PDB file of N, CA and C in Angstrom:
ATOM      1  N   UNK A   1      -3.642   5.624 -12.853  1.00  0.00           N
ATOM      2  CA  UNK A   1      -3.521   4.805 -11.686  1.00  0.00           C
ATOM      3  C   UNK A   1      -4.690   5.135 -10.765  1.00  0.00           C
ATOM      4  N   UNK A   2      -5.708   4.312 -10.770  1.00  0.00           N
ATOM      5  CA  UNK A   2      -6.887   4.557  -9.953  1.00  0.00           C
ATOM      6  C   UNK A   2      -7.119   3.357  -9.048  1.00  0.00           C
ATOM      7  N   UNK A   3      -6.972   3.570  -7.762  1.00  0.00           N
ATOM      8  CA  UNK A   3      -7.140   2.492  -6.800  1.00  0.00           C
ATOM      9  C   UNK A   3      -8.114   2.943  -5.736  1.00  0.00           C
ATOM     10  N   UNK A   4      -9.094   2.108  -5.445  1.00  0.00           N
ATOM     11  CA  UNK A   4     -10.059   2.430  -4.396  1.00  0.00           C
ATOM     12  C   UNK A   4      -9.585   1.836  -3.083  1.00  0.00           C
ATOM     13  N   UNK A   5      -9.713   2.617  -2.035  1.00  0.00           N
ATOM     14  CA  UNK A   5      -9.371   2.137  -0.697  1.00  0.00           C
ATOM     15  C   UNK A   5     -10.488   2.514   0.258  1.00  0.00           C
ATOM     16  N   UNK A   6     -10.632   1.740   1.303  1.00  0.00           N
ATOM     17  CA  UNK A   6     -11.628   2.011   2.335  1.00  0.00           C
ATOM     18  C   UNK A   6     -11.148   3.198   3.163  1.00  0.00           C
ATOM     19  N   UNK A   7     -11.800   4.345   2.986  1.00  0.00           N
ATOM     20  CA  UNK A   7     -11.348   5.565   3.657  1.00  0.00           C
ATOM     21  C   UNK A   7     -11.651   5.567   5.153  1.00  0.00           C
ATOM     22  N   UNK A   8     -12.427   4.594   5.626  1.00  0.00           N
ATOM     23  CA  UNK A   8     -12.707   4.539   7.059  1.00  0.00           C
ATOM     24  C   UNK A   8     -11.570   3.879   7.841  1.00  0.00           C
ATOM     25  N   UNK A   9     -10.645   3.236   7.138  1.00  0.00           N
ATOM     26  CA  UNK A   9      -9.505   2.580   7.781  1.00  0.00           C
ATOM     27  C   UNK A   9      -8.251   3.434   7.636  1.00  0.00           C
ATOM     28  N   UNK A  10      -7.335   3.342   8.600  1.00  0.00           N
ATOM     29  CA  UNK A  10      -6.037   4.018   8.433  1.00  0.00           C
ATOM     30  C   UNK A  10      -5.330   3.429   7.211  1.00  0.00           C
ATOM     31  N   UNK A  11      -4.692   4.266   6.432  1.00  0.00           N
ATOM     32  CA  UNK A  11      -4.077   3.840   5.177  1.00  0.00           C
ATOM     33  C   UNK A  11      -2.558   3.815   5.286  1.00  0.00           C
ATOM     34  N   UNK A  12      -1.968   2.719   4.806  1.00  0.00           N
ATOM     35  CA  UNK A  12      -0.515   2.563   4.803  1.00  0.00           C
ATOM     36  C   UNK A  12      -0.067   2.270   3.379  1.00  0.00           C
ATOM     37  N   UNK A  13       0.943   2.983   2.930  1.00  0.00           N
ATOM     38  CA  UNK A  13       1.555   2.723   1.625  1.00  0.00           C
ATOM     39  C   UNK A  13       2.793   1.874   1.848  1.00  0.00           C
ATOM     40  N   UNK A  14       2.795   0.678   1.267  1.00  0.00           N
ATOM     41  CA  UNK A  14       3.933  -0.241   1.360  1.00  0.00           C
ATOM     42  C   UNK A  14       4.689  -0.162   0.040  1.00  0.00           C
ATOM     43  N   UNK A  15       5.950   0.228   0.110  1.00  0.00           N
ATOM     44  CA  UNK A  15       6.769   0.342  -1.101  1.00  0.00           C
ATOM     45  C   UNK A  15       8.061  -0.438  -0.905  1.00  0.00           C
ATOM     46  N   UNK A  16       8.265  -1.419  -1.762  1.00  0.00           N
ATOM     47  CA  UNK A  16       9.484  -2.233  -1.694  1.00  0.00           C
ATOM     48  C   UNK A  16       9.625  -2.960  -3.022  1.00  0.00           C
ATOM     49  N   UNK A  17      10.850  -3.228  -3.425  1.00  0.00           N
ATOM     50  CA  UNK A  17      11.085  -3.875  -4.713  1.00  0.00           C
ATOM     51  C   UNK A  17      10.826  -5.380  -4.687  1.00  0.00           C
ATOM     52  N   UNK A  18      10.830  -5.995  -3.515  1.00  0.00           N
ATOM     53  CA  UNK A  18      10.635  -7.445  -3.409  1.00  0.00           C
ATOM     54  C   UNK A  18       9.157  -7.767  -3.174  1.00  0.00           C
ATOM     55  N   UNK A  19       8.556  -8.454  -4.123  1.00  0.00           N
ATOM     56  CA  UNK A  19       7.131  -8.780  -4.016  1.00  0.00           C
ATOM     57  C   UNK A  19       6.799  -9.573  -2.757  1.00  0.00           C
ATOM     58  N   UNK A  20       7.655 -10.509  -2.376  1.00  0.00           N
ATOM     59  CA  UNK A  20       7.397 -11.305  -1.173  1.00  0.00           C
ATOM     60  C   UNK A  20       7.292 -10.417   0.064  1.00  0.00           C
ATOM     61  N   UNK A  21       8.158  -9.437   0.160  1.00  0.00           N
ATOM     62  CA  UNK A  21       8.142  -8.513   1.297  1.00  0.00           C
ATOM     63  C   UNK A  21       6.863  -7.693   1.296  1.00  0.00           C
ATOM     64  N   UNK A  22       6.475  -7.198   0.135  1.00  0.00           N
ATOM     65  CA  UNK A  22       5.248  -6.407   0.022  1.00  0.00           C
ATOM     66  C   UNK A  22       4.042  -7.248   0.423  1.00  0.00           C
ATOM     67  N   UNK A  23       3.961  -8.473  -0.084  1.00  0.00           N
ATOM     68  CA  UNK A  23       2.823  -9.336   0.228  1.00  0.00           C
ATOM     69  C   UNK A  23       2.749  -9.655   1.721  1.00  0.00           C
ATOM     70  N   UNK A  24       3.885  -9.900   2.351  1.00  0.00           N
ATOM     71  CA  UNK A  24       3.914 -10.181   3.786  1.00  0.00           C
ATOM     72  C   UNK A  24       3.448  -8.969   4.593  1.00  0.00           C
ATOM     73  N   UNK A  25       4.011  -7.807   4.300  1.00  0.00           N
ATOM     74  CA  UNK A  25       3.623  -6.589   5.019  1.00  0.00           C
ATOM     75  C   UNK A  25       2.154  -6.255   4.795  1.00  0.00           C
ATOM     76  N   UNK A  26       1.700  -6.401   3.567  1.00  0.00           N
ATOM     77  CA  UNK A  26       0.305  -6.137   3.224  1.00  0.00           C
ATOM     78  C   UNK A  26      -0.621  -7.032   4.050  1.00  0.00           C
ATOM     79  N   UNK A  27      -0.328  -8.327   4.110  1.00  0.00           N
ATOM     80  CA  UNK A  27      -1.161  -9.266   4.866  1.00  0.00           C
ATOM     81  C   UNK A  27      -1.170  -8.926   6.356  1.00  0.00           C
ATOM     82  N   UNK A  28      -0.006  -8.635   6.908  1.00  0.00           N
ATOM     83  CA  UNK A  28       0.081  -8.300   8.335  1.00  0.00           C
ATOM     84  C   UNK A  28      -0.688  -7.025   8.664  1.00  0.00           C
ATOM     85  N   UNK A  29      -0.518  -6.004   7.835  1.00  0.00           N
ATOM     86  CA  UNK A  29      -1.191  -4.730   8.085  1.00  0.00           C
ATOM     87  C   UNK A  29      -2.705  -4.854   7.945  1.00  0.00           C
ATOM     88  N   UNK A  30      -3.161  -5.561   6.922  1.00  0.00           N
ATOM     89  CA  UNK A  30      -4.600  -5.711   6.718  1.00  0.00           C
ATOM     90  C   UNK A  30      -5.229  -6.521   7.849  1.00  0.00           C
ATOM     91  N   UNK A  31      -4.516  -7.501   8.349  1.00  0.00           N
ATOM     92  CA  UNK A  31      -5.019  -8.294   9.476  1.00  0.00           C
ATOM     93  C   UNK A  31      -5.183  -7.422  10.724  1.00  0.00           C
ATOM     94  N   UNK A  32      -4.356  -6.389  10.845  1.00  0.00           N
ATOM     95  CA  UNK A  32      -4.421  -5.488  11.999  1.00  0.00           C
ATOM     96  C   UNK A  32      -5.384  -4.321  11.790  1.00  0.00           C
ATOM     97  N   UNK A  33      -6.086  -4.308  10.646  1.00  0.00           N
ATOM     98  CA  UNK A  33      -7.119  -3.304  10.435  1.00  0.00           C
ATOM     99  C   UNK A  33      -6.722  -2.094   9.614  1.00  0.00           C
ATOM    100  N   UNK A  34      -5.632  -2.186   8.877  1.00  0.00           N
ATOM    101  CA  UNK A  34      -5.204  -1.087   8.019  1.00  0.00           C
ATOM    102  C   UNK A  34      -5.612  -1.358   6.574  1.00  0.00           C
ATOM    103  N   UNK A  35      -5.942  -0.310   5.855  1.00  0.00           N
ATOM    104  CA  UNK A  35      -6.075  -0.398   4.404  1.00  0.00           C
ATOM    105  C   UNK A  35      -4.666  -0.233   3.837  1.00  0.00           C
ATOM    106  N   UNK A  36      -4.378  -0.895   2.735  1.00  0.00           N
ATOM    107  CA  UNK A  36      -3.028  -0.805   2.180  1.00  0.00           C
ATOM    108  C   UNK A  36      -3.045  -0.460   0.704  1.00  0.00           C
ATOM    109  N   UNK A  37      -2.052   0.286   0.329  1.00  0.00           N
ATOM    110  CA  UNK A  37      -1.681   0.483  -1.068  1.00  0.00           C
ATOM    111  C   UNK A  37      -0.275  -0.064  -1.174  1.00  0.00           C
ATOM    112  N   UNK A  38       0.101  -0.581  -2.308  1.00  0.00           N
ATOM    113  CA  UNK A  38       1.449  -1.100  -2.434  1.00  0.00           C
ATOM    114  C   UNK A  38       2.048  -0.712  -3.763  1.00  0.00           C
ATOM    115  N   UNK A  39       3.359  -0.591  -3.755  1.00  0.00           N
ATOM    116  CA  UNK A  39       4.104  -0.222  -4.959  1.00  0.00           C
ATOM    117  C   UNK A  39       5.417  -0.984  -4.951  1.00  0.00           C
ATOM    118  N   UNK A  40       5.885  -1.307  -6.136  1.00  0.00           N
ATOM    119  CA  UNK A  40       7.131  -2.062  -6.264  1.00  0.00           C
ATOM    120  C   UNK A  40       8.297  -1.196  -6.714  1.00  0.00           C
ATOM    121  N   UNK A  41       8.042   0.107  -6.841  1.00  0.00           N
ATOM    122  CA  UNK A  41       9.136   1.023  -7.180  1.00  0.00           C
ATOM    123  C   UNK A  41       8.793   2.424  -6.670  1.00  0.00           C
ATOM    124  N   UNK A  42       9.808   3.252  -6.610  1.00  0.00           N
ATOM    125  CA  UNK A  42       9.651   4.590  -6.065  1.00  0.00           C
ATOM    126  C   UNK A  42       8.698   5.474  -6.842  1.00  0.00           C
ATOM    127  N   UNK A  43       8.732   5.364  -8.146  1.00  0.00           N
ATOM    128  CA  UNK A  43       7.856   6.202  -8.984  1.00  0.00           C
ATOM    129  C   UNK A  43       6.384   5.908  -8.695  1.00  0.00           C
ATOM    130  N   UNK A  44       6.036   4.634  -8.643  1.00  0.00           N
ATOM    131  CA  UNK A  44       4.655   4.263  -8.332  1.00  0.00           C
ATOM    132  C   UNK A  44       4.271   4.696  -6.924  1.00  0.00           C
ATOM    133  N   UNK A  45       5.179   4.546  -5.984  1.00  0.00           N
ATOM    134  CA  UNK A  45       4.911   4.952  -4.604  1.00  0.00           C
ATOM    135  C   UNK A  45       4.610   6.445  -4.530  1.00  0.00           C
ATOM    136  N   UNK A  46       5.376   7.250  -5.237  1.00  0.00           N
ATOM    137  CA  UNK A  46       5.133   8.696  -5.242  1.00  0.00           C
ATOM    138  C   UNK A  46       3.787   9.036  -5.861  1.00  0.00           C
ATOM    139  N   UNK A  47       3.414   8.340  -6.930  1.00  0.00           N
ATOM    140  CA  UNK A  47       2.117   8.592  -7.562  1.00  0.00           C
ATOM    141  C   UNK A  47       0.977   8.267  -6.597  1.00  0.00           C
ATOM    142  N   UNK A  48       1.071   7.129  -5.917  1.00  0.00           N
ATOM    143  CA  UNK A  48       0.046   6.771  -4.931  1.00  0.00           C
ATOM    144  C   UNK A  48      -0.004   7.798  -3.806  1.00  0.00           C
ATOM    145  N   UNK A  49       1.152   8.210  -3.312  1.00  0.00           N
ATOM    146  CA  UNK A  49       1.204   9.179  -2.216  1.00  0.00           C
ATOM    147  C   UNK A  49       0.547  10.498  -2.627  1.00  0.00           C
ATOM    148  N   UNK A  50       0.755  10.911  -3.848  1.00  0.00           N
ATOM    149  CA  UNK A  50       0.139  12.166  -4.325  1.00  0.00           C
ATOM    150  C   UNK A  50      -1.369  12.027  -4.461  1.00  0.00           C
ATOM    151  N   UNK A  51      -1.842  10.846  -4.845  1.00  0.00           N
ATOM    152  CA  UNK A  51      -3.277  10.623  -5.039  1.00  0.00           C
ATOM    153  C   UNK A  51      -4.034  10.509  -3.725  1.00  0.00           C
ATOM    154  N   UNK A  52      -3.378   9.981  -2.727  1.00  0.00           N
ATOM    155  CA  UNK A  52      -4.085   9.667  -1.480  1.00  0.00           C
ATOM    156  C   UNK A  52      -3.535  10.494  -0.364  1.00  0.00           C
TER     157      UNK A  52
END
């Protein structure tokens, strides 16, 4: 799992099982100047959190 993010921006991990919810939160956060990572399950969220 290798994902590049802009390290100059504050980073938010969005984790939720509903894709629509993730896409909405991702769009809102990015519009406000945050870099985002997203996961659709807890296991993926933990892997991202450990990497970043």
